[in-house]
Structure formats: structure tokens, C-alpha cells
């Protein structure tokens, strides 16, 4: 599928890096550049109502050509991570990968090695798209976009293939909190169910995510000249440090995997008079997440008994819920992925997502939305790569899913 690779290379050439701390959606105007390209491509493929919204999200619908098939949605996000530049991406194709080291940038000494990334060995003989070692690649999520658009191209080029209505939603700002998805216009995207293409290695299926919350802890201190401060100074920084030390030390992102939840101290800042902590709370089990929230409140209550009432305050806000709640009652949409993968000769495997996708928003807007792999590895960094054959197989899997619901 040279069209798929050409699409992917075109998409990654467009800088769509999002940015934290902006007051508008999209957080960066350059995301609209790719949005305009995709809207034009959808129109060329016969999509109706193809348009870019005020928040930079792309919508479109390909009408059904048979009766009785459900409307199916597909979604992949436009932005790339703020963690590393997505500007002037210079992708390179390593044809017939030999299983050894790949030098990405000789001058900087950047080497993509199976010693550090053992999964590379799975792709010996395949063609890998890699970076030049100075930027991320953008397979997260431009591989997903290319796979979806290749599926759309197939049905355009094969009008005799039966399919229900196919809807498209390509939101902005997924990497910074699914902000584009939160502007969803259900008049433009409201399929019976949908699939996000925002996963990892070939064969990965995800229908569970974390339940997520964000917390802010403020500590108010008292500043006195340090030479005269005995029994008077209350150092907010030290109290904030006590707060952190009262969290379970083994329940951090770097100590957990699978279904294990965590507390993540995302940010710590302050002075003697005021210190602030920002934390992320994650757990696949909703009751366990509530227990994590309560632990923060209990720590604050204890410290307030020691240092004075109101000295430590905690504010907690829910971010998203486990999509499994919405998907398990209609599990046939997951089984359809499994069957399409096996038909393509791909062994499916199930992974509880340790994060969120735009599907976490869609699933609780009445659009159950499991997540499918894009084929990529090492997202958000200079070692990101994606096998061309993985993308090709995933595009065929999407075609198989659509066909299965038209039978």
C-alpha cells in the first residue's frame, strides 16, 4: 500500500505539536493545517459534511450503501506530544530491517537499538519508518490517521463493497487532556459505536482505561526571619515534602504496571509561605480510585492537626472514567476487532490502557469506543518508529471490521 505510506509521510511533515497551558482549543493553530488537508481528502473520497470545527476538529461521513448495517465511527487525533518537537520531522525508511542497531543521527550519537528496545527484533525483514534523532516521528497519531484514511480510500475505490455509514472524527489536543474531543458536536459525529486508532504494537486491543483524577494540594506557611524563627516559622515547602512522603512509595508510575494504580506527583512548587503540589491519581477500579482520593484528604487532615487547621487544602477533580463501563455491554464491537485481526493473520492481545484516549470522552457521550493499535513504538520521543507492514495490516483490519457489520 504505497498510498498509505505516502499519506503517513505527508502527515508527519506537518507540525501539529500541541501546547500546555493555553486558554483556547486548539492549543496551537498549526493543528488546523493538517485538519484542512484531511477535510479535503475526505471530500475527495465522497464524504458528506466534511468540515473543520471552530476547535480544529475534523468531521465527515461516508453514506451507507446497504441497509441494516450500523453506523461506525473512526477517530484519531491531530496533535503530537508537547514532550518533543514535531517540527521539520525527517522520516527515514529502513528497508528490510536486519535486526541490529539503527543509527538515527551519527553526529549526535543517537542509536535505535534492540538492546534497549527488544521489540525491534519482531520486525526483522520488515520496513521501519524512523526519525533522524532530533524530533519525534508522529506515528502517535498520524499512523492512525493514515490507516483510517486508507480504509476510506478502499471503500471509495471499491463501490461494490457493502458498508454502513462510516463517520470520522479527528480531534485536536488529545495529548494535553483530550480537549478537542470535549468539544464534540454530536450533530456531526454520532455513530452507534466507534473505534479510536491510538494504540501501540500490532495486535493490541484496549477496552479498559484508568479511572482518572487530578489533585491540587496547597500548603500555607508562615515566614519569619530565619534567625528569629524558632517555634514561629512554618515552612510550607517542608510540609509539602511531608505530604509526599506519606504517599505509598511503591505506588508511583515507575513502580506499577498492568492493572496497578498509582499516585503521580506531577509538579511541586513554592516558597516558605505557600507551596503547591499537583498530582495525578489513576486506577482501573473506581472504588480504589475513591480510596486514593480519600488518602489525600486523610493526609491533609493529619497535617492540619499537627500544624493548624486549614494549613493544608486538597482539591480533586475527576478527569475521565474507565471506558470498560460503556463497552462491556456491547462487547461484540471488541469481538469484531479480534475477528478482523485473526482474518489478517494477526494475533490479537488485550492490554488495559494505562492512560486515556479520545475514546474515554466518546464512550461516555453514548458512543462506546474501544482502542485499536496503530503499530507504532516508543511514542513521544526521538526513538519512535513504526513498521510499514504493521500499518498496512491495520488498514486491512479496519476494512474487515466495516465489512463484518455489513453482512
Protein backbone atom coordinates (compact mmCIF):
# COMPACT_ATOMS: atom_id res chain seq x y z
CA UNK A 1 0.00 0.00 0.00
CA UNK A 2 2.24 2.80 -1.20
CA UNK A 3 -0.70 5.20 -0.77
CA UNK A 4 -0.73 4.51 2.96
CA UNK A 5 2.98 5.21 3.36
CA UNK A 6 2.73 8.33 1.19
CA UNK A 7 -0.14 9.57 3.35
CA UNK A 8 1.74 8.92 6.55
CA UNK A 9 4.87 10.71 5.33
CA UNK A 10 2.76 13.69 4.24
CA UNK A 11 1.00 13.88 7.60
CA UNK A 12 4.19 13.73 9.69
CA UNK A 13 5.67 16.55 7.61
CA UNK A 14 3.01 18.87 9.07
CA UNK A 15 3.88 20.15 12.54
CA UNK A 16 0.88 19.70 14.82
CA UNK A 17 2.51 19.77 18.27
CA UNK A 18 0.05 20.84 20.95
CA UNK A 19 0.97 23.03 23.94
CA UNK A 20 0.10 23.01 27.62
CA UNK A 21 -1.38 25.97 29.41
CA UNK A 22 -3.24 27.62 26.55
CA UNK A 23 -6.66 29.18 27.02
CA UNK A 24 -8.01 28.13 23.62
CA UNK A 25 -8.72 24.93 21.69
CA UNK A 26 -6.82 24.07 19.62
CA UNK A 27 -3.84 24.99 21.76
CA UNK A 28 -1.79 25.60 18.60
CA UNK A 29 -3.16 26.99 15.35
CA UNK A 30 -0.84 24.78 13.28
CA UNK A 31 -3.08 21.79 14.05
CA UNK A 32 -5.54 23.36 11.63
CA UNK A 33 -3.05 22.84 8.79
CA UNK A 34 -3.42 19.07 8.98
CA UNK A 35 -7.15 19.40 9.68
CA UNK A 36 -7.61 21.24 6.37
CA UNK A 37 -5.67 18.55 4.48
CA UNK A 38 -7.77 15.77 5.97
CA UNK A 39 -11.07 17.56 5.32
CA UNK A 40 -10.10 17.99 1.67
CA UNK A 41 -9.13 14.32 1.42
CA UNK A 42 -12.43 13.22 2.94
CA UNK A 43 -14.36 15.31 0.41
CA UNK A 44 -12.37 13.72 -2.41
CA UNK A 45 -13.34 10.30 -1.04
CA UNK A 46 -17.04 11.12 -1.17
CA UNK A 47 -17.57 12.13 2.44
CA UNK A 48 -20.51 14.36 3.22
CA UNK A 49 -20.40 17.26 5.68
CA UNK A 50 -16.58 17.16 5.72
CA UNK A 51 -15.60 20.20 7.73
CA UNK A 52 -13.24 21.65 10.31
CA UNK A 53 -14.89 22.91 13.50
CA UNK A 54 -14.05 26.04 15.46
CA UNK A 55 -11.93 23.89 17.78
CA UNK A 56 -9.99 22.50 14.82
CA UNK A 57 -11.62 19.04 14.81
CA UNK A 58 -12.37 17.29 11.53
CA UNK A 59 -15.78 15.72 10.84
CA UNK A 60 -17.11 13.75 7.88
CA UNK A 61 -19.47 10.94 6.85
CA UNK A 62 -19.42 8.42 4.02
CA UNK A 63 -23.04 7.37 3.35
CA UNK A 64 -24.07 3.73 3.68
CA UNK A 65 -24.56 1.70 0.51
CA UNK A 66 -26.61 -1.06 2.14
CA UNK A 67 -29.47 -1.33 4.59
CA UNK A 68 -29.37 -2.61 8.13
CA UNK A 69 -25.68 -2.01 8.86
CA UNK A 70 -24.88 0.17 11.88
CA UNK A 71 -23.08 3.48 11.56
CA UNK A 72 -19.45 3.08 12.64
CA UNK A 73 -17.12 5.88 13.70
CA UNK A 74 -13.34 6.12 13.45
CA UNK A 75 -11.19 8.59 15.33
CA UNK A 76 -7.52 9.54 15.54
CA UNK A 77 -6.08 12.75 16.93
CA UNK A 78 -4.32 15.52 15.04
CA UNK A 79 -1.78 16.71 17.58
CA UNK A 80 1.60 15.34 18.57
CA UNK A 81 3.03 15.43 22.07
CA UNK A 82 4.48 18.59 23.62
CA UNK A 83 7.27 16.36 25.02
CA UNK A 84 9.47 16.73 21.92
CA UNK A 85 9.41 18.86 18.79
CA UNK A 86 7.26 17.76 15.86
CA UNK A 87 8.68 20.43 13.56
CA UNK A 88 10.75 19.53 10.49
CA UNK A 89 10.32 15.79 11.03
CA UNK A 90 12.70 13.97 8.71
CA UNK A 91 11.45 10.38 8.48
CA UNK A 92 13.65 7.67 7.00
CA UNK A 93 12.62 4.21 5.83
CA UNK A 94 14.87 1.35 6.89
CA UNK A 95 14.03 -1.26 4.29
CA UNK A 96 14.31 -4.96 5.13
CA UNK A 97 15.46 -4.25 8.69
CA UNK A 98 18.32 -6.62 9.59
CA UNK A 99 17.57 -6.92 13.32
CA UNK A 100 20.52 -4.84 14.51
CA UNK A 101 21.21 -1.27 15.59
CA UNK A 102 19.84 1.61 13.52
CA UNK A 103 21.87 4.83 13.68
CA UNK A 104 19.38 7.67 13.68
CA UNK A 105 21.87 10.52 14.00
CA UNK A 106 25.57 9.82 13.76
CA UNK A 107 26.57 13.36 14.72
CA UNK A 108 24.53 13.25 17.95
CA UNK A 109 25.21 9.58 18.64
CA UNK A 110 21.52 8.64 18.63
CA UNK A 111 21.09 4.91 18.02
CA UNK A 112 17.87 2.89 17.94
CA UNK A 113 18.98 -0.44 19.37
CA UNK A 114 17.21 -3.75 20.09
CA UNK A 115 19.36 -3.92 23.20
CA UNK A 116 17.25 -1.08 24.61
CA UNK A 117 14.08 -1.87 22.66
CA UNK A 118 13.80 -5.68 22.33
CA UNK A 119 10.51 -5.42 20.41
CA UNK A 120 12.55 -4.34 17.38
CA UNK A 121 13.53 -7.98 16.90
CA UNK A 122 9.92 -8.77 16.00
CA UNK A 123 10.30 -6.78 12.80
CA UNK A 124 13.37 -8.31 11.18
CA UNK A 125 12.83 -8.22 7.44
CA UNK A 126 10.15 -5.52 7.70
CA UNK A 127 10.43 -1.86 6.68
CA UNK A 128 10.69 0.60 9.59
CA UNK A 129 9.92 4.31 9.47
CA UNK A 130 12.28 6.06 11.91
CA UNK A 131 13.29 9.61 12.85
CA UNK A 132 16.57 11.46 12.33
CA UNK A 133 17.08 11.50 16.10
CA UNK A 134 16.17 15.17 16.61
CA UNK A 135 12.36 15.03 16.70
CA UNK A 136 9.59 12.60 17.43
CA UNK A 137 8.09 10.81 14.43
CA UNK A 138 4.40 11.48 14.98
CA UNK A 139 3.08 7.94 14.48
CA UNK A 140 1.07 8.86 17.56
CA UNK A 141 -1.33 9.51 15.99
CA UNK A 142 -0.60 10.13 12.32
CA UNK A 143 -0.22 6.40 11.73
CA UNK A 144 -3.80 6.10 12.97
CA UNK A 145 -4.93 8.87 10.64
CA UNK A 146 -3.19 7.25 7.66
CA UNK A 147 -4.74 3.86 8.44
CA UNK A 148 -8.25 5.29 8.72
CA UNK A 149 -7.90 7.31 5.51
CA UNK A 150 -6.55 4.25 3.67
CA UNK A 151 -9.63 2.32 4.80
CA UNK A 152 -11.82 5.16 3.46
CA UNK A 153 -9.91 5.08 0.18
CA UNK A 154 -10.63 1.35 -0.16
CA UNK A 155 -14.39 1.79 0.06
CA UNK A 156 -14.25 4.74 -2.34
CA UNK A 157 -12.30 2.68 -4.88
CA UNK A 158 -14.49 -0.41 -4.40
CA UNK A 159 -18.08 0.87 -4.51
CA UNK A 160 -19.42 -2.66 -4.76
CA UNK A 161 -18.23 -3.48 -1.23
CA UNK A 162 -21.15 -3.17 1.16
CA UNK A 163 -20.80 -0.95 4.21
CA UNK A 164 -22.88 1.02 6.65
CA UNK A 165 -22.39 4.72 7.24
CA UNK A 166 -18.76 5.47 8.13
CA UNK A 167 -18.23 8.53 10.30
CA UNK A 168 -14.97 10.34 11.00
CA UNK A 169 -13.83 12.47 13.95
CA UNK A 170 -10.25 13.72 14.10
CA UNK A 171 -9.92 15.89 17.22
CA UNK A 172 -7.25 18.32 18.34
CA UNK A 173 -5.31 18.43 21.62
CA UNK A 174 -5.62 14.79 22.69
CA UNK A 175 -2.11 14.85 24.13
CA UNK A 176 -2.97 17.58 26.63
CA UNK A 177 -6.22 16.20 28.02
CA UNK A 178 -8.50 15.24 25.11
CA UNK A 179 -9.55 18.89 24.85
CA UNK A 180 -10.72 18.67 21.26
CA UNK A 181 -12.84 15.61 21.99
CA UNK A 182 -14.54 17.54 24.77
CA UNK A 183 -15.91 19.92 22.11
CA UNK A 184 -17.63 17.03 20.29
CA UNK A 185 -20.61 18.06 18.16
CA UNK A 186 -22.94 15.08 18.18
CA UNK A 187 -24.86 16.55 15.27
CA UNK A 188 -21.76 15.83 13.18
CA UNK A 189 -20.45 12.65 14.83
CA UNK A 190 -22.89 10.30 16.47
CA UNK A 191 -22.31 6.72 15.24
CA UNK A 192 -23.74 3.71 17.04
CA UNK A 193 -20.18 2.91 18.17
CA UNK A 194 -16.67 3.94 17.22
CA UNK A 195 -13.01 2.96 17.31
CA UNK A 196 -10.04 5.12 18.20
CA UNK A 197 -6.79 4.33 16.44
CA UNK A 198 -4.37 5.40 19.16
CA UNK A 199 -2.69 2.25 20.44
CA UNK A 200 0.72 0.64 20.21
CA UNK A 201 2.10 -2.56 18.66
CA UNK A 202 0.33 -4.60 16.01
CA UNK A 203 -2.36 -6.78 17.58
CA UNK A 204 -3.07 -4.61 20.63
CA UNK A 205 -6.73 -4.14 21.60
CA UNK A 206 -7.82 -1.99 24.52
CA UNK A 207 -11.28 -1.73 26.01
CA UNK A 208 -10.29 -0.67 29.53
CA UNK A 209 -8.64 2.52 30.70
CA UNK A 210 -7.84 4.09 34.02
CA UNK A 211 -10.35 5.99 36.07
CA UNK A 212 -8.53 9.29 36.43
CA UNK A 213 -8.50 12.31 38.71
CA UNK A 214 -6.26 15.34 39.21
CA UNK A 215 -5.49 16.84 42.60
CA UNK A 216 -4.08 20.15 43.79
CA UNK A 217 -2.61 20.46 47.26
CA UNK A 218 -1.94 23.92 48.70
CA UNK A 219 0.11 24.40 51.85
CA UNK A 220 0.09 27.77 53.61
CA UNK A 221 3.12 28.60 55.76
CA UNK A 222 4.37 31.41 57.97
CA UNK A 223 7.60 33.19 57.09
CA UNK A 224 9.75 34.70 59.84
CA UNK A 225 13.36 35.87 59.64
CA UNK A 226 15.26 32.56 59.89
CA UNK A 227 17.48 33.90 62.67
CA UNK A 228 14.47 34.69 64.84
CA UNK A 229 12.05 32.00 63.77
CA UNK A 230 12.20 29.31 66.46
CA UNK A 231 8.69 27.98 67.20
CA UNK A 232 7.26 30.59 64.82
CA UNK A 233 8.21 29.75 61.23
CA UNK A 234 6.02 27.21 59.45
CA UNK A 235 7.76 26.19 56.24
CA UNK A 236 5.20 25.25 53.59
CA UNK A 237 7.88 23.53 51.49
CA UNK A 238 8.74 21.11 54.29
CA UNK A 239 5.08 20.34 54.97
CA UNK A 240 4.54 19.66 51.26
CA UNK A 241 7.52 17.30 51.44
CA UNK A 242 5.90 15.52 54.40
CA UNK A 243 2.73 15.18 52.33
CA UNK A 244 4.64 13.49 49.51
CA UNK A 245 6.46 11.18 51.92
CA UNK A 246 3.13 9.99 53.34
CA UNK A 247 2.11 8.60 49.94
CA UNK A 248 2.80 4.88 49.35
CA UNK A 249 6.34 4.85 47.91
CA UNK A 250 5.73 1.83 45.67
CA UNK A 251 2.53 3.22 44.14
CA UNK A 252 4.11 5.55 41.58
CA UNK A 253 4.14 5.25 37.78
CA UNK A 254 7.70 3.91 37.82
CA UNK A 255 6.74 1.06 40.18
CA UNK A 256 3.44 -0.08 38.63
CA UNK A 257 2.12 -1.89 35.58
CA UNK A 258 -0.97 -3.69 34.26
CA UNK A 259 -3.97 -3.05 36.49
CA UNK A 260 -1.92 -1.42 39.26
CA UNK A 261 -2.94 2.16 40.03
CA UNK A 262 -0.71 4.99 41.20
CA UNK A 263 -0.19 8.43 42.67
CA UNK A 264 1.89 10.65 40.39
CA UNK A 265 3.43 13.83 41.79
CA UNK A 266 3.36 15.84 38.60
CA UNK A 267 4.53 19.21 39.88
CA UNK A 268 5.89 20.74 43.08
CA UNK A 269 6.49 24.45 43.52
CA UNK A 270 6.53 27.05 46.23
CA UNK A 271 8.18 29.13 48.90
CA UNK A 272 8.08 29.21 52.68
CA UNK A 273 4.66 30.90 52.75
CA UNK A 274 2.95 28.87 50.04
CA UNK A 275 3.72 25.55 48.38
CA UNK A 276 1.64 23.75 45.77
CA UNK A 277 1.60 20.14 44.61
CA UNK A 278 -0.18 18.79 41.57
CA UNK A 279 -0.90 15.08 41.45
CA UNK A 280 -2.49 12.61 39.08
CA UNK A 281 -4.49 9.72 40.56
CA UNK A 282 -5.09 6.63 38.45
CA UNK A 283 -6.80 3.26 38.98
CA UNK A 284 -8.74 0.88 36.76
CA UNK A 285 -11.02 0.11 39.72
CA UNK A 286 -13.39 3.01 40.50
CA UNK A 287 -13.61 2.15 44.21
CA UNK A 288 -9.83 2.06 44.51
CA UNK A 289 -9.63 5.50 42.89
CA UNK A 290 -12.05 6.80 45.50
CA UNK A 291 -9.77 5.33 48.17
CA UNK A 292 -6.82 7.18 46.65
CA UNK A 293 -8.75 10.43 46.78
CA UNK A 294 -9.63 9.78 50.42
CA UNK A 295 -5.99 9.10 51.27
CA UNK A 296 -5.07 12.61 50.11
CA UNK A 297 -7.82 14.05 52.28
CA UNK A 298 -6.69 11.94 55.26
CA UNK A 299 -3.08 13.11 54.88
CA UNK A 300 -4.27 16.73 54.78
CA UNK A 301 -6.40 16.18 57.89
CA UNK A 302 -3.44 14.69 59.77
CA UNK A 303 -1.08 17.51 58.82
CA UNK A 304 -3.68 20.10 59.79
CA UNK A 305 -3.88 18.54 63.25
CA UNK A 306 -0.10 18.90 63.52
CA UNK A 307 0.37 22.36 62.01
CA UNK A 308 -3.01 24.05 62.42
CA UNK A 309 -6.44 23.82 60.85
CA UNK A 310 -6.62 24.93 57.22
CA UNK A 311 -2.87 24.78 56.75
CA UNK A 312 -3.22 22.11 54.02
CA UNK A 313 -6.08 22.07 51.50
CA UNK A 314 -6.85 19.49 48.82
CA UNK A 315 -8.92 19.98 45.67
CA UNK A 316 -9.70 16.95 43.50
CA UNK A 317 -11.30 16.89 40.07
CA UNK A 318 -12.32 13.80 38.09
CA UNK A 319 -10.74 13.63 34.63
CA UNK A 320 -12.18 10.54 32.93
CA UNK A 321 -13.69 7.12 33.65
CA UNK A 322 -12.81 3.59 32.66
CA UNK A 323 -14.28 3.02 29.18
CA UNK A 324 -14.92 -0.61 30.10
CA UNK A 325 -18.13 0.55 31.78
CA UNK A 326 -19.50 1.68 28.43
CA UNK A 327 -18.02 -1.06 26.23
CA UNK A 328 -18.70 -4.31 28.10
CA UNK A 329 -22.50 -4.15 27.50
CA UNK A 330 -21.81 -4.17 23.71
CA UNK A 331 -18.73 -6.36 23.64
CA UNK A 332 -19.44 -7.52 20.09
CA UNK A 333 -17.68 -4.37 18.88
CA UNK A 334 -14.48 -5.64 20.54
CA UNK A 335 -15.02 -9.14 19.21
CA UNK A 336 -15.19 -7.64 15.72
CA UNK A 337 -11.63 -6.31 16.12
CA UNK A 338 -10.44 -9.69 17.34
CA UNK A 339 -12.00 -11.49 14.36
CA UNK A 340 -10.68 -8.99 11.81
CA UNK A 341 -7.17 -9.30 13.22
CA UNK A 342 -7.23 -13.09 13.04
CA UNK A 343 -8.51 -12.93 9.47
CA UNK A 344 -5.47 -10.78 8.64
CA UNK A 345 -3.12 -13.28 10.29
CA UNK A 346 -2.51 -11.04 13.32
CA UNK A 347 -2.58 -12.47 16.84
CA UNK A 348 -4.69 -10.12 19.00
CA UNK A 349 -3.75 -9.35 22.59
CA UNK A 350 -5.57 -7.30 25.18
CA UNK A 351 -3.96 -4.53 27.20
CA UNK A 352 -5.52 -2.39 29.93
CA UNK A 353 -4.59 1.12 28.86
CA UNK A 354 -2.53 2.98 31.43
CA UNK A 355 -3.78 6.33 30.24
CA UNK A 356 -6.66 7.75 28.25
CA UNK A 357 -7.64 8.39 24.67
CA UNK A 358 -10.34 10.43 23.00
CA UNK A 359 -12.39 7.25 23.39
CA UNK A 360 -12.61 7.99 27.11
CA UNK A 361 -14.64 11.05 26.17
CA UNK A 362 -16.67 9.47 23.37
CA UNK A 363 -17.59 6.38 25.39
CA UNK A 364 -19.42 8.48 27.94
CA UNK A 365 -21.10 10.58 25.27
CA UNK A 366 -23.06 7.48 24.28
CA UNK A 367 -20.55 6.29 21.67
CA UNK A 368 -18.81 3.14 23.01
CA UNK A 369 -15.27 3.35 21.73
CA UNK A 370 -12.54 0.73 22.21
CA UNK A 371 -8.99 1.45 21.07
CA UNK A 372 -7.06 -0.27 18.28
CA UNK A 373 -3.30 -0.38 17.75
CA UNK A 374 -1.57 1.91 15.24
CA UNK A 375 1.56 -0.27 15.02
CA UNK A 376 3.95 2.29 16.48
CA UNK A 377 6.53 2.08 19.26
CA UNK A 378 8.37 4.49 21.58
CA UNK A 379 5.86 7.32 21.24
CA UNK A 380 6.66 10.89 22.31
CA UNK A 381 10.40 10.61 21.74
CA UNK A 382 13.23 10.55 19.23
CA UNK A 383 13.29 6.73 19.24
CA UNK A 384 9.75 6.47 17.90
CA UNK A 385 9.29 4.12 14.95
CA UNK A 386 6.55 2.28 13.08
CA UNK A 387 6.78 -0.74 10.74
CA UNK A 388 5.18 -0.09 7.35
CA UNK A 389 3.75 -3.62 7.27
CA UNK A 390 2.03 -3.05 10.62
CA UNK A 391 0.23 -0.01 9.24
CA UNK A 392 -0.80 -1.95 6.15
CA UNK A 393 -2.22 -4.80 8.21
CA UNK A 394 -4.10 -2.40 10.48
CA UNK A 395 -5.71 -0.65 7.50
CA UNK A 396 -6.89 -4.05 6.29
CA UNK A 397 -8.20 -4.84 9.78
CA UNK A 398 -10.32 -1.67 9.68
CA UNK A 399 -11.70 -2.70 6.30
CA UNK A 400 -12.54 -6.11 7.74
CA UNK A 401 -14.35 -4.58 10.70
CA UNK A 402 -16.54 -2.42 8.47
CA UNK A 403 -17.35 -5.36 6.17
CA UNK A 404 -18.25 -7.61 9.11
CA UNK A 405 -21.05 -5.33 10.22
CA UNK A 406 -22.48 -5.10 6.69
CA UNK A 407 -23.05 -8.85 6.39
